[in-house]
């Protein structure tokens, strides 16, 4: 895992969202900076809390010229289910082959209950409109992620 750092150029990507539409980072960056947050699996407890808090803070993020975009290895259909069940209001992108997670350096070995496997590490990147990584959020609890981001943006 060779994770991107602040100052690095973010890989431009286009992925399908929960509605099967293409969403590209380049297009999003035309209007605002983008919080690209990687999460392991839709509809799991930690990922749900993180997404619901970002949903609830969408207006606060918008006032700080920021949109959140979630990326996971889930299929489009599962992302649509996640959006519907939790009334999410931002793009959820499907990275089934984890190519974008690899490009950001967040795909790699993990441990859970003594078992090792490869998966997405829960890390977020603030991408400025210039396409550069402004900040990497890697130290937070899922329930506090939104506040850590807002505090950084408000400073």
Protein backbone atom coordinates (compact mmCIF):
# COMPACT_ATOMS: atom_id res chain seq x y z
CA UNK A 1 0.00 0.00 0.00
CA UNK A 2 1.50 3.30 -1.11
CA UNK A 3 -1.06 5.81 0.16
CA UNK A 4 -1.40 9.28 -1.33
CA UNK A 5 -0.24 12.15 0.86
CA UNK A 6 -1.11 15.83 1.07
CA UNK A 7 0.35 17.59 -1.97
CA UNK A 8 0.05 14.56 -4.27
CA UNK A 9 -1.98 14.76 -7.48
CA UNK A 10 -5.21 12.83 -7.02
CA UNK A 11 -5.88 10.15 -9.64
CA UNK A 12 -8.72 11.26 -11.88
CA UNK A 13 -11.42 8.63 -12.03
CA UNK A 14 -14.85 7.92 -13.41
CA UNK A 15 -17.00 5.34 -11.62
CA UNK A 16 -20.66 4.34 -11.62
CA UNK A 17 -22.79 5.74 -8.82
CA UNK A 18 -25.69 4.09 -7.01
CA UNK A 19 -27.97 4.97 -9.94
CA UNK A 20 -25.68 3.51 -12.60
CA UNK A 21 -24.57 6.94 -13.80
CA UNK A 22 -20.94 7.85 -14.44
CA UNK A 23 -19.44 10.28 -11.95
CA UNK A 24 -16.01 11.75 -12.59
CA UNK A 25 -13.74 13.48 -10.15
CA UNK A 26 -12.75 16.05 -12.79
CA UNK A 27 -16.38 17.12 -13.23
CA UNK A 28 -17.02 17.36 -9.49
CA UNK A 29 -13.90 19.47 -8.97
CA UNK A 30 -15.18 22.14 -11.38
CA UNK A 31 -17.66 23.34 -8.75
CA UNK A 32 -16.12 22.50 -5.37
CA UNK A 33 -13.49 20.54 -3.51
CA UNK A 34 -14.27 16.87 -2.96
CA UNK A 35 -14.04 14.71 0.14
CA UNK A 36 -13.33 11.24 -1.28
CA UNK A 37 -14.01 8.81 1.52
CA UNK A 38 -13.30 5.11 1.23
CA UNK A 39 -15.36 2.69 3.27
CA UNK A 40 -15.28 -1.12 3.38
CA UNK A 41 -18.89 -2.24 2.95
CA UNK A 42 -22.34 -0.69 2.55
CA UNK A 43 -24.98 -1.35 5.22
CA UNK A 44 -22.52 -2.43 7.91
CA UNK A 45 -22.74 -0.63 11.27
CA UNK A 46 -19.62 1.57 11.05
CA UNK A 47 -20.12 2.45 7.40
CA UNK A 48 -23.76 3.29 8.05
CA UNK A 49 -22.97 5.67 10.93
CA UNK A 50 -20.28 7.38 8.85
CA UNK A 51 -22.60 7.80 5.85
CA UNK A 52 -25.58 9.00 7.91
CA UNK A 53 -23.46 11.69 9.58
CA UNK A 54 -22.17 12.90 6.21
CA UNK A 55 -25.78 12.90 4.97
CA UNK A 56 -26.85 15.03 7.92
CA UNK A 57 -23.96 17.46 7.42
CA UNK A 58 -24.33 17.85 3.64
CA UNK A 59 -25.40 21.51 3.97
CA UNK A 60 -22.54 22.33 6.35
CA UNK A 61 -20.08 20.74 3.91
CA UNK A 62 -21.64 22.67 1.00
CA UNK A 63 -21.17 25.93 2.90
CA UNK A 64 -17.50 24.97 3.12
CA UNK A 65 -17.40 24.40 -0.68
CA UNK A 66 -17.13 20.62 -0.26
CA UNK A 67 -19.06 17.58 -1.49
CA UNK A 68 -18.64 14.11 -0.03
CA UNK A 69 -18.27 11.09 -2.31
CA UNK A 70 -18.16 7.57 -0.87
CA UNK A 71 -16.23 4.78 -2.61
CA UNK A 72 -16.47 1.08 -1.77
CA UNK A 73 -16.02 -2.24 -3.57
CA UNK A 74 -19.80 -2.80 -3.46
CA UNK A 75 -21.84 -3.38 -6.60
CA UNK A 76 -24.11 -0.58 -7.89
CA UNK A 77 -27.24 -2.47 -6.79
CA UNK A 78 -26.01 -2.72 -3.19
CA UNK A 79 -25.12 0.99 -3.20
CA UNK A 80 -28.65 1.83 -4.38
CA UNK A 81 -30.04 -0.27 -1.52
CA UNK A 82 -27.75 1.59 0.91
CA UNK A 83 -28.92 4.96 -0.43
CA UNK A 84 -32.60 3.99 -0.22
CA UNK A 85 -32.50 2.40 3.24
CA UNK A 86 -30.49 5.22 4.82
CA UNK A 87 -31.85 8.12 2.70
CA UNK A 88 -28.36 9.14 1.64
CA UNK A 89 -27.97 12.34 -0.39
CA UNK A 90 -24.55 12.15 -1.99
CA UNK A 91 -22.78 9.97 -4.57
CA UNK A 92 -21.80 6.42 -3.62
CA UNK A 93 -19.37 5.01 -6.16
CA UNK A 94 -18.74 1.39 -7.05
CA UNK A 95 -15.09 0.32 -7.24
CA UNK A 96 -15.66 -3.44 -7.54
CA UNK A 97 -12.19 -4.18 -8.93
CA UNK A 98 -10.69 -1.80 -6.31
CA UNK A 99 -8.62 -0.04 -9.01
CA UNK A 100 -9.34 3.40 -7.54
CA UNK A 101 -8.70 2.19 -3.98
CA UNK A 102 -5.36 0.86 -5.27
CA UNK A 103 -4.60 4.19 -6.98
CA UNK A 104 -5.23 6.08 -3.72
CA UNK A 105 -3.24 3.48 -1.78
CA UNK A 106 -6.07 2.36 0.51
CA UNK A 107 -6.41 -1.28 -0.60
CA UNK A 108 -4.28 -3.73 1.32
CA UNK A 109 -3.93 -6.24 4.13
CA UNK A 110 -6.36 -5.99 7.04
CA UNK A 111 -7.03 -8.04 10.13
CA UNK A 112 -10.42 -8.79 11.64
CA UNK A 113 -11.05 -11.27 14.43
CA UNK A 114 -7.66 -12.87 13.86
CA UNK A 115 -8.26 -13.34 10.13
CA UNK A 116 -6.12 -11.59 7.51
CA UNK A 117 -7.54 -10.48 4.17
CA UNK A 118 -7.19 -7.67 1.61
CA UNK A 119 -9.70 -4.84 1.73
CA UNK A 120 -10.29 -1.11 1.83
CA UNK A 121 -8.82 0.89 4.66
CA UNK A 122 -11.19 3.57 5.99
CA UNK A 123 -9.34 6.70 4.89
CA UNK A 124 -10.60 9.98 3.41
CA UNK A 125 -8.92 12.47 1.12
CA UNK A 126 -9.78 16.13 0.68
CA UNK A 127 -9.12 16.97 -2.96
CA UNK A 128 -8.78 20.66 -3.85
CA UNK A 129 -10.17 22.11 -7.05
CA UNK A 130 -6.61 22.08 -8.38
CA UNK A 131 -6.71 18.26 -8.21
CA UNK A 132 -4.18 18.03 -5.38
CA UNK A 133 -4.71 16.18 -2.11
CA UNK A 134 -5.15 18.91 0.52
CA UNK A 135 -5.47 16.62 3.52
CA UNK A 136 -5.63 12.93 4.43
CA UNK A 137 -8.03 11.92 7.21
CA UNK A 138 -6.84 8.65 8.69
CA UNK A 139 -7.28 9.10 12.44
CA UNK A 140 -10.97 9.17 13.36
CA UNK A 141 -13.81 7.05 14.66
CA UNK A 142 -16.66 6.41 12.22
CA UNK A 143 -19.10 8.32 14.43
CA UNK A 144 -16.77 11.37 14.51
CA UNK A 145 -15.54 11.39 10.89
CA UNK A 146 -17.91 14.15 9.77
CA UNK A 147 -16.88 16.42 12.68
CA UNK A 148 -13.16 15.88 12.10
CA UNK A 149 -13.67 16.92 8.46
CA UNK A 150 -15.81 19.94 9.31
CA UNK A 151 -13.36 21.08 12.00
CA UNK A 152 -10.50 20.87 9.49
CA UNK A 153 -12.47 22.76 6.82
CA UNK A 154 -13.53 25.46 9.31
CA UNK A 155 -10.03 26.12 10.67
